[in-house]
Amino acid sequence: MTGNAVPALADANKAPAIIDAQGQRPLDAALLHFARASALATLGDTNGKAIADADSAASKHTAPDLYARFAGERAIMG
């Protein structure tokens, strides 16, 4: 992650409400949780909850191409 993790985490914590207002957007939610995981790791929190949240959001994918994109991002996150 580049930049400042504190405001990044603050923005990532606000984003679920924005995503939820747009309807079912599992890829957006999953990628948001990856951003949260990155910010949390930078701040020393590596418990993995944000990654688990990303996996949970991704489990709602119905489009194979979106799940494939998630899987590629997930591989990067570890």
PDB file of N, CA and C in Angstrom:
ATOM      1  N   MET A   1       0.847  -1.173   0.000  1.00  0.00           N
ATOM      2  CA  MET A   1       0.000   0.000   0.000  1.00  0.00           C
ATOM      3  C   MET A   1       0.888   1.230   0.000  1.00  0.00           C
ATOM      4  N   THR A   2       0.527   2.175  -0.816  1.00  0.00           N
ATOM      5  CA  THR A   2       1.231   3.453  -0.806  1.00  0.00           C
ATOM      6  C   THR A   2       0.316   4.490  -0.166  1.00  0.00           C
ATOM      7  N   GLY A   3       0.885   5.561   0.313  1.00  0.00           N
ATOM      8  CA  GLY A   3       0.069   6.602   0.926  1.00  0.00           C
ATOM      9  C   GLY A   3      -0.098   6.393   2.416  1.00  0.00           C
ATOM     10  N   ASN A   4      -1.106   7.025   2.976  1.00  0.00           N
ATOM     11  CA  ASN A   4      -1.338   7.005   4.405  1.00  0.00           C
ATOM     12  C   ASN A   4      -2.465   6.031   4.731  1.00  0.00           C
ATOM     13  N   ALA A   5      -2.147   5.039   5.554  1.00  0.00           N
ATOM     14  CA  ALA A   5      -3.112   3.990   5.865  1.00  0.00           C
ATOM     15  C   ALA A   5      -4.275   4.480   6.721  1.00  0.00           C
ATOM     16  N   VAL A   6      -4.077   5.492   7.547  1.00  0.00           N
ATOM     17  CA  VAL A   6      -5.147   5.951   8.437  1.00  0.00           C
ATOM     18  C   VAL A   6      -6.334   6.507   7.647  1.00  0.00           C
ATOM     19  N   PRO A   7      -6.122   7.489   6.749  1.00  0.00           N
ATOM     20  CA  PRO A   7      -7.285   7.948   5.979  1.00  0.00           C
ATOM     21  C   PRO A   7      -7.802   6.886   5.004  1.00  0.00           C
ATOM     22  N   ALA A   8      -6.923   6.026   4.517  1.00  0.00           N
ATOM     23  CA  ALA A   8      -7.370   4.951   3.622  1.00  0.00           C
ATOM     24  C   ALA A   8      -8.332   4.024   4.353  1.00  0.00           C
ATOM     25  N   LEU A   9      -7.998   3.687   5.590  1.00  0.00           N
ATOM     26  CA  LEU A   9      -8.870   2.826   6.377  1.00  0.00           C
ATOM     27  C   LEU A   9     -10.183   3.538   6.696  1.00  0.00           C
ATOM     28  N   ALA A  10     -10.109   4.808   7.020  1.00  0.00           N
ATOM     29  CA  ALA A  10     -11.335   5.573   7.304  1.00  0.00           C
ATOM     30  C   ALA A  10     -12.261   5.567   6.089  1.00  0.00           C
ATOM     31  N   ASP A  11     -11.708   5.782   4.914  1.00  0.00           N
ATOM     32  CA  ASP A  11     -12.520   5.764   3.689  1.00  0.00           C
ATOM     33  C   ASP A  11     -13.082   4.360   3.427  1.00  0.00           C
ATOM     34  N   ALA A  12     -12.246   3.356   3.615  1.00  0.00           N
ATOM     35  CA  ALA A  12     -12.688   1.977   3.388  1.00  0.00           C
ATOM     36  C   ALA A  12     -13.779   1.576   4.369  1.00  0.00           C
ATOM     37  N   ASN A  13     -13.750   2.120   5.564  1.00  0.00           N
ATOM     38  CA  ASN A  13     -14.786   1.804   6.546  1.00  0.00           C
ATOM     39  C   ASN A  13     -16.113   2.491   6.217  1.00  0.00           C
ATOM     40  N   LYS A  14     -16.076   3.593   5.476  1.00  0.00           N
ATOM     41  CA  LYS A  14     -17.298   4.294   5.071  1.00  0.00           C
ATOM     42  C   LYS A  14     -17.916   3.672   3.812  1.00  0.00           C
ATOM     43  N   ALA A  15     -17.101   3.053   3.013  1.00  0.00           N
ATOM     44  CA  ALA A  15     -17.527   2.590   1.699  1.00  0.00           C
ATOM     45  C   ALA A  15     -18.623   1.523   1.687  1.00  0.00           C
ATOM     46  N   PRO A  16     -18.724   0.625   2.670  1.00  0.00           N
ATOM     47  CA  PRO A  16     -19.788  -0.393   2.577  1.00  0.00           C
ATOM     48  C   PRO A  16     -21.184   0.212   2.419  1.00  0.00           C
ATOM     49  N   ALA A  17     -21.462   1.298   3.088  1.00  0.00           N
ATOM     50  CA  ALA A  17     -22.780   1.923   2.963  1.00  0.00           C
ATOM     51  C   ALA A  17     -23.027   2.409   1.533  1.00  0.00           C
ATOM     52  N   ILE A  18     -21.979   2.915   0.906  1.00  0.00           N
ATOM     53  CA  ILE A  18     -22.098   3.389  -0.480  1.00  0.00           C
ATOM     54  C   ILE A  18     -22.346   2.203  -1.420  1.00  0.00           C
ATOM     55  N   ILE A  19     -21.591   1.148  -1.215  1.00  0.00           N
ATOM     56  CA  ILE A  19     -21.759  -0.052  -2.052  1.00  0.00           C
ATOM     57  C   ILE A  19     -23.146  -0.644  -1.838  1.00  0.00           C
ATOM     58  N   ASP A  20     -23.572  -0.764  -0.579  1.00  0.00           N
ATOM     59  CA  ASP A  20     -24.884  -1.344  -0.285  1.00  0.00           C
ATOM     60  C   ASP A  20     -26.010  -0.552  -0.932  1.00  0.00           C
ATOM     61  N   ALA A  21     -25.848   0.765  -1.023  1.00  0.00           N
ATOM     62  CA  ALA A  21     -26.881   1.610  -1.627  1.00  0.00           C
ATOM     63  C   ALA A  21     -27.038   1.337  -3.123  1.00  0.00           C
ATOM     64  N   GLN A  22     -26.031   0.725  -3.721  1.00  0.00           N
ATOM     65  CA  GLN A  22     -26.064   0.437  -5.159  1.00  0.00           C
ATOM     66  C   GLN A  22     -26.624  -0.951  -5.467  1.00  0.00           C
ATOM     67  N   GLY A  23     -27.018  -1.677  -4.446  1.00  0.00           N
ATOM     68  CA  GLY A  23     -27.541  -3.025  -4.655  1.00  0.00           C
ATOM     69  C   GLY A  23     -26.448  -4.062  -4.501  1.00  0.00           C
ATOM     70  N   GLN A  24     -26.730  -5.259  -4.922  1.00  0.00           N
ATOM     71  CA  GLN A  24     -25.799  -6.378  -4.784  1.00  0.00           C
ATOM     72  C   GLN A  24     -24.579  -6.153  -5.673  1.00  0.00           C
ATOM     73  N   ARG A  25     -23.438  -5.875  -5.065  1.00  0.00           N
ATOM     74  CA  ARG A  25     -22.191  -5.614  -5.791  1.00  0.00           C
ATOM     75  C   ARG A  25     -21.067  -6.418  -5.131  1.00  0.00           C
ATOM     76  N   PRO A  26     -21.089  -7.744  -5.240  1.00  0.00           N
ATOM     77  CA  PRO A  26     -20.122  -8.555  -4.503  1.00  0.00           C
ATOM     78  C   PRO A  26     -18.664  -8.312  -4.870  1.00  0.00           C
ATOM     79  N   LEU A  27     -18.370  -8.032  -6.133  1.00  0.00           N
ATOM     80  CA  LEU A  27     -16.977  -7.774  -6.494  1.00  0.00           C
ATOM     81  C   LEU A  27     -16.499  -6.479  -5.852  1.00  0.00           C
ATOM     82  N   ASP A  28     -17.319  -5.440  -5.923  1.00  0.00           N
ATOM     83  CA  ASP A  28     -16.942  -4.171  -5.298  1.00  0.00           C
ATOM     84  C   ASP A  28     -16.723  -4.357  -3.799  1.00  0.00           C
ATOM     85  N   ALA A  29     -17.612  -5.083  -3.147  1.00  0.00           N
ATOM     86  CA  ALA A  29     -17.477  -5.317  -1.713  1.00  0.00           C
ATOM     87  C   ALA A  29     -16.207  -6.101  -1.407  1.00  0.00           C
ATOM     88  N   ALA A  30     -15.936  -7.127  -2.198  1.00  0.00           N
ATOM     89  CA  ALA A  30     -14.737  -7.939  -1.970  1.00  0.00           C
ATOM     90  C   ALA A  30     -13.466  -7.107  -2.141  1.00  0.00           C
ATOM     91  N   LEU A  31     -13.415  -6.303  -3.200  1.00  0.00           N
ATOM     92  CA  LEU A  31     -12.228  -5.476  -3.431  1.00  0.00           C
ATOM     93  C   LEU A  31     -12.071  -4.421  -2.336  1.00  0.00           C
ATOM     94  N   LEU A  32     -13.175  -3.912  -1.843  1.00  0.00           N
ATOM     95  CA  LEU A  32     -13.122  -2.978  -0.720  1.00  0.00           C
ATOM     96  C   LEU A  32     -12.485  -3.644   0.495  1.00  0.00           C
ATOM     97  N   HIS A  33     -12.876  -4.873   0.773  1.00  0.00           N
ATOM     98  CA  HIS A  33     -12.300  -5.573   1.920  1.00  0.00           C
ATOM     99  C   HIS A  33     -10.802  -5.813   1.728  1.00  0.00           C
ATOM    100  N   PHE A  34     -10.366  -6.003   0.489  1.00  0.00           N
ATOM    101  CA  PHE A  34      -8.928  -6.107   0.239  1.00  0.00           C
ATOM    102  C   PHE A  34      -8.228  -4.791   0.569  1.00  0.00           C
ATOM    103  N   ALA A  35      -8.847  -3.674   0.205  1.00  0.00           N
ATOM    104  CA  ALA A  35      -8.264  -2.364   0.550  1.00  0.00           C
ATOM    105  C   ALA A  35      -8.195  -2.199   2.064  1.00  0.00           C
ATOM    106  N   ARG A  36      -9.252  -2.623   2.750  1.00  0.00           N
ATOM    107  CA  ARG A  36      -9.241  -2.565   4.215  1.00  0.00           C
ATOM    108  C   ARG A  36      -8.124  -3.446   4.782  1.00  0.00           C
ATOM    109  N   ALA A  37      -7.964  -4.644   4.238  1.00  0.00           N
ATOM    110  CA  ALA A  37      -6.932  -5.559   4.718  1.00  0.00           C
ATOM    111  C   ALA A  37      -5.550  -4.954   4.550  1.00  0.00           C
ATOM    112  N   SER A  38      -5.322  -4.311   3.424  1.00  0.00           N
ATOM    113  CA  SER A  38      -4.033  -3.685   3.167  1.00  0.00           C
ATOM    114  C   SER A  38      -3.765  -2.556   4.161  1.00  0.00           C
ATOM    115  N   ALA A  39      -4.772  -1.711   4.388  1.00  0.00           N
ATOM    116  CA  ALA A  39      -4.611  -0.611   5.344  1.00  0.00           C
ATOM    117  C   ALA A  39      -4.401  -1.149   6.757  1.00  0.00           C
ATOM    118  N   LEU A  40      -5.178  -2.153   7.125  1.00  0.00           N
ATOM    119  CA  LEU A  40      -5.035  -2.738   8.461  1.00  0.00           C
ATOM    120  C   LEU A  40      -3.650  -3.357   8.645  1.00  0.00           C
ATOM    121  N   ALA A  41      -3.160  -4.054   7.628  1.00  0.00           N
ATOM    122  CA  ALA A  41      -1.830  -4.665   7.721  1.00  0.00           C
ATOM    123  C   ALA A  41      -0.757  -3.608   7.885  1.00  0.00           C
ATOM    124  N   THR A  42      -0.901  -2.499   7.164  1.00  0.00           N
ATOM    125  CA  THR A  42       0.050  -1.396   7.288  1.00  0.00           C
ATOM    126  C   THR A  42       0.057  -0.841   8.706  1.00  0.00           C
ATOM    127  N   LEU A  43      -1.100  -0.864   9.347  1.00  0.00           N
ATOM    128  CA  LEU A  43      -1.223  -0.361  10.715  1.00  0.00           C
ATOM    129  C   LEU A  43      -0.895  -1.428  11.764  1.00  0.00           C
ATOM    130  N   GLY A  44      -0.506  -2.626  11.306  1.00  0.00           N
ATOM    131  CA  GLY A  44      -0.078  -3.676  12.218  1.00  0.00           C
ATOM    132  C   GLY A  44      -1.144  -4.686  12.594  1.00  0.00           C
ATOM    133  N   ASP A  45      -2.352  -4.560  12.059  1.00  0.00           N
ATOM    134  CA  ASP A  45      -3.433  -5.494  12.358  1.00  0.00           C
ATOM    135  C   ASP A  45      -3.473  -6.537  11.248  1.00  0.00           C
ATOM    136  N   THR A  46      -3.029  -7.725  11.548  1.00  0.00           N
ATOM    137  CA  THR A  46      -2.958  -8.768  10.526  1.00  0.00           C
ATOM    138  C   THR A  46      -3.819  -9.973  10.884  1.00  0.00           C
ATOM    139  N   ASN A  47      -4.930  -9.754  11.595  1.00  0.00           N
ATOM    140  CA  ASN A  47      -5.741 -10.895  12.028  1.00  0.00           C
ATOM    141  C   ASN A  47      -6.516 -11.562  10.896  1.00  0.00           C
ATOM    142  N   GLY A  48      -6.602 -10.956   9.741  1.00  0.00           N
ATOM    143  CA  GLY A  48      -7.209 -11.595   8.579  1.00  0.00           C
ATOM    144  C   GLY A  48      -8.713 -11.443   8.452  1.00  0.00           C
ATOM    145  N   LYS A  49      -9.363 -10.720   9.345  1.00  0.00           N
ATOM    146  CA  LYS A  49     -10.818 -10.567   9.271  1.00  0.00           C
ATOM    147  C   LYS A  49     -11.247  -9.919   7.956  1.00  0.00           C
ATOM    148  N   ALA A  50     -10.521  -8.909   7.505  1.00  0.00           N
ATOM    149  CA  ALA A  50     -10.904  -8.235   6.258  1.00  0.00           C
ATOM    150  C   ALA A  50     -10.790  -9.184   5.065  1.00  0.00           C
ATOM    151  N   ILE A  51      -9.806 -10.059   5.071  1.00  0.00           N
ATOM    152  CA  ILE A  51      -9.679 -11.056   3.994  1.00  0.00           C
ATOM    153  C   ILE A  51     -10.851 -12.026   4.058  1.00  0.00           C
ATOM    154  N   ALA A  52     -11.207 -12.457   5.267  1.00  0.00           N
ATOM    155  CA  ALA A  52     -12.363 -13.348   5.424  1.00  0.00           C
ATOM    156  C   ALA A  52     -13.635 -12.652   4.951  1.00  0.00           C
ATOM    157  N   ASP A  53     -13.761 -11.356   5.232  1.00  0.00           N
ATOM    158  CA  ASP A  53     -14.916 -10.595   4.752  1.00  0.00           C
ATOM    159  C   ASP A  53     -14.932 -10.539   3.221  1.00  0.00           C
ATOM    160  N   ALA A  54     -13.756 -10.408   2.605  1.00  0.00           N
ATOM    161  CA  ALA A  54     -13.668 -10.406   1.140  1.00  0.00           C
ATOM    162  C   ALA A  54     -14.112 -11.754   0.583  1.00  0.00           C
ATOM    163  N   ASP A  55     -13.647 -12.829   1.206  1.00  0.00           N
ATOM    164  CA  ASP A  55     -14.046 -14.168   0.760  1.00  0.00           C
ATOM    165  C   ASP A  55     -15.556 -14.353   0.874  1.00  0.00           C
ATOM    166  N   SER A  56     -16.129 -13.845   1.963  1.00  0.00           N
ATOM    167  CA  SER A  56     -17.573 -13.954   2.160  1.00  0.00           C
ATOM    168  C   SER A  56     -18.331 -13.171   1.090  1.00  0.00           C
ATOM    169  N   ALA A  57     -17.892 -11.955   0.816  1.00  0.00           N
ATOM    170  CA  ALA A  57     -18.538 -11.148  -0.226  1.00  0.00           C
ATOM    171  C   ALA A  57     -18.422 -11.847  -1.581  1.00  0.00           C
ATOM    172  N   ALA A  58     -17.255 -12.397  -1.863  1.00  0.00           N
ATOM    173  CA  ALA A  58     -17.026 -13.048  -3.158  1.00  0.00           C
ATOM    174  C   ALA A  58     -17.874 -14.305  -3.325  1.00  0.00           C
ATOM    175  N   SER A  59     -18.248 -14.925  -2.225  1.00  0.00           N
ATOM    176  CA  SER A  59     -19.060 -16.139  -2.328  1.00  0.00           C
ATOM    177  C   SER A  59     -20.432 -15.842  -2.927  1.00  0.00           C
ATOM    178  N   LYS A  60     -20.799 -14.567  -3.009  1.00  0.00           N
ATOM    179  CA  LYS A  60     -22.088 -14.171  -3.574  1.00  0.00           C
ATOM    180  C   LYS A  60     -22.014 -13.913  -5.081  1.00  0.00           C
ATOM    181  N   HIS A  61     -20.810 -14.067  -5.665  1.00  0.00           N
ATOM    182  CA  HIS A  61     -20.658 -13.860  -7.111  1.00  0.00           C
ATOM    183  C   HIS A  61     -21.492 -14.880  -7.875  1.00  0.00           C
ATOM    184  N   THR A  62     -22.143 -14.411  -8.900  1.00  0.00           N
ATOM    185  CA  THR A  62     -22.875 -15.318  -9.791  1.00  0.00           C
ATOM    186  C   THR A  62     -22.286 -15.310 -11.195  1.00  0.00           C
ATOM    187  N   ALA A  63     -21.454 -14.336 -11.484  1.00  0.00           N
ATOM    188  CA  ALA A  63     -20.848 -14.242 -12.819  1.00  0.00           C
ATOM    189  C   ALA A  63     -19.426 -14.812 -12.784  1.00  0.00           C
ATOM    190  N   PRO A  64     -19.153 -15.811 -13.597  1.00  0.00           N
ATOM    191  CA  PRO A  64     -17.823 -16.425 -13.588  1.00  0.00           C
ATOM    192  C   PRO A  64     -16.691 -15.438 -13.850  1.00  0.00           C
ATOM    193  N   ASP A  65     -16.898 -14.462 -14.730  1.00  0.00           N
ATOM    194  CA  ASP A  65     -15.827 -13.510 -15.027  1.00  0.00           C
ATOM    195  C   ASP A  65     -15.516 -12.631 -13.818  1.00  0.00           C
ATOM    196  N   LEU A  66     -16.538 -12.274 -13.041  1.00  0.00           N
ATOM    197  CA  LEU A  66     -16.295 -11.482 -11.836  1.00  0.00           C
ATOM    198  C   LEU A  66     -15.576 -12.315 -10.782  1.00  0.00           C
ATOM    199  N   TYR A  67     -15.983 -13.578 -10.646  1.00  0.00           N
ATOM    200  CA  TYR A  67     -15.299 -14.424  -9.668  1.00  0.00           C
ATOM    201  C   TYR A  67     -13.845 -14.638 -10.077  1.00  0.00           C
ATOM    202  N   ALA A  68     -13.587 -14.754 -11.363  1.00  0.00           N
ATOM    203  CA  ALA A  68     -12.211 -14.917 -11.841  1.00  0.00           C
ATOM    204  C   ALA A  68     -11.390 -13.679 -11.502  1.00  0.00           C
ATOM    205  N   ARG A  69     -11.975 -12.512 -11.635  1.00  0.00           N
ATOM    206  CA  ARG A  69     -11.255 -11.281 -11.264  1.00  0.00           C
ATOM    207  C   ARG A  69     -10.962 -11.278  -9.771  1.00  0.00           C
ATOM    208  N   PHE A  70     -11.939 -11.658  -8.964  1.00  0.00           N
ATOM    209  CA  PHE A  70     -11.732 -11.763  -7.533  1.00  0.00           C
ATOM    210  C   PHE A  70     -10.599 -12.739  -7.226  1.00  0.00           C
ATOM    211  N   ALA A  71     -10.622 -13.893  -7.861  1.00  0.00           N
ATOM    212  CA  ALA A  71      -9.614 -14.913  -7.605  1.00  0.00           C
ATOM    213  C   ALA A  71      -8.217 -14.397  -7.913  1.00  0.00           C
ATOM    214  N   GLY A  72      -8.078 -13.608  -8.973  1.00  0.00           N
ATOM    215  CA  GLY A  72      -6.790 -13.021  -9.300  1.00  0.00           C
ATOM    216  C   GLY A  72      -6.331 -12.053  -8.230  1.00  0.00           C
ATOM    217  N   GLU A  73      -7.230 -11.208  -7.766  1.00  0.00           N
ATOM    218  CA  GLU A  73      -6.898 -10.257  -6.693  1.00  0.00           C
ATOM    219  C   GLU A  73      -6.604 -11.013  -5.393  1.00  0.00           C
ATOM    220  N   ARG A  74      -7.357 -12.066  -5.142  1.00  0.00           N
ATOM    221  CA  ARG A  74      -7.179 -12.861  -3.906  1.00  0.00           C
ATOM    222  C   ARG A  74      -5.801 -13.499  -3.890  1.00  0.00           C
ATOM    223  N   ALA A  75      -5.350 -13.955  -5.034  1.00  0.00           N
ATOM    224  CA  ALA A  75      -4.018 -14.570  -5.131  1.00  0.00           C
ATOM    225  C   ALA A  75      -2.924 -13.582  -4.765  1.00  0.00           C
ATOM    226  N   ILE A  76      -3.123 -12.331  -5.137  1.00  0.00           N
ATOM    227  CA  ILE A  76      -2.144 -11.290  -4.794  1.00  0.00           C
ATOM    228  C   ILE A  76      -2.121 -11.025  -3.296  1.00  0.00           C
ATOM    229  N   MET A  77      -3.322 -11.041  -2.682  1.00  0.00           N
ATOM    230  CA  MET A  77      -3.433 -10.733  -1.250  1.00  0.00           C
ATOM    231  C   MET A  77      -2.882 -11.860  -0.370  1.00  0.00           C
ATOM    232  N   GLY A  78      -2.853 -13.054  -0.901  1.00  0.00           N
ATOM    233  CA  GLY A  78      -2.297 -14.173  -0.125  1.00  0.00           C
ATOM    234  C   GLY A  78      -3.307 -14.939   0.651  1.00  0.00           C
TER     235      GLY A  78
END
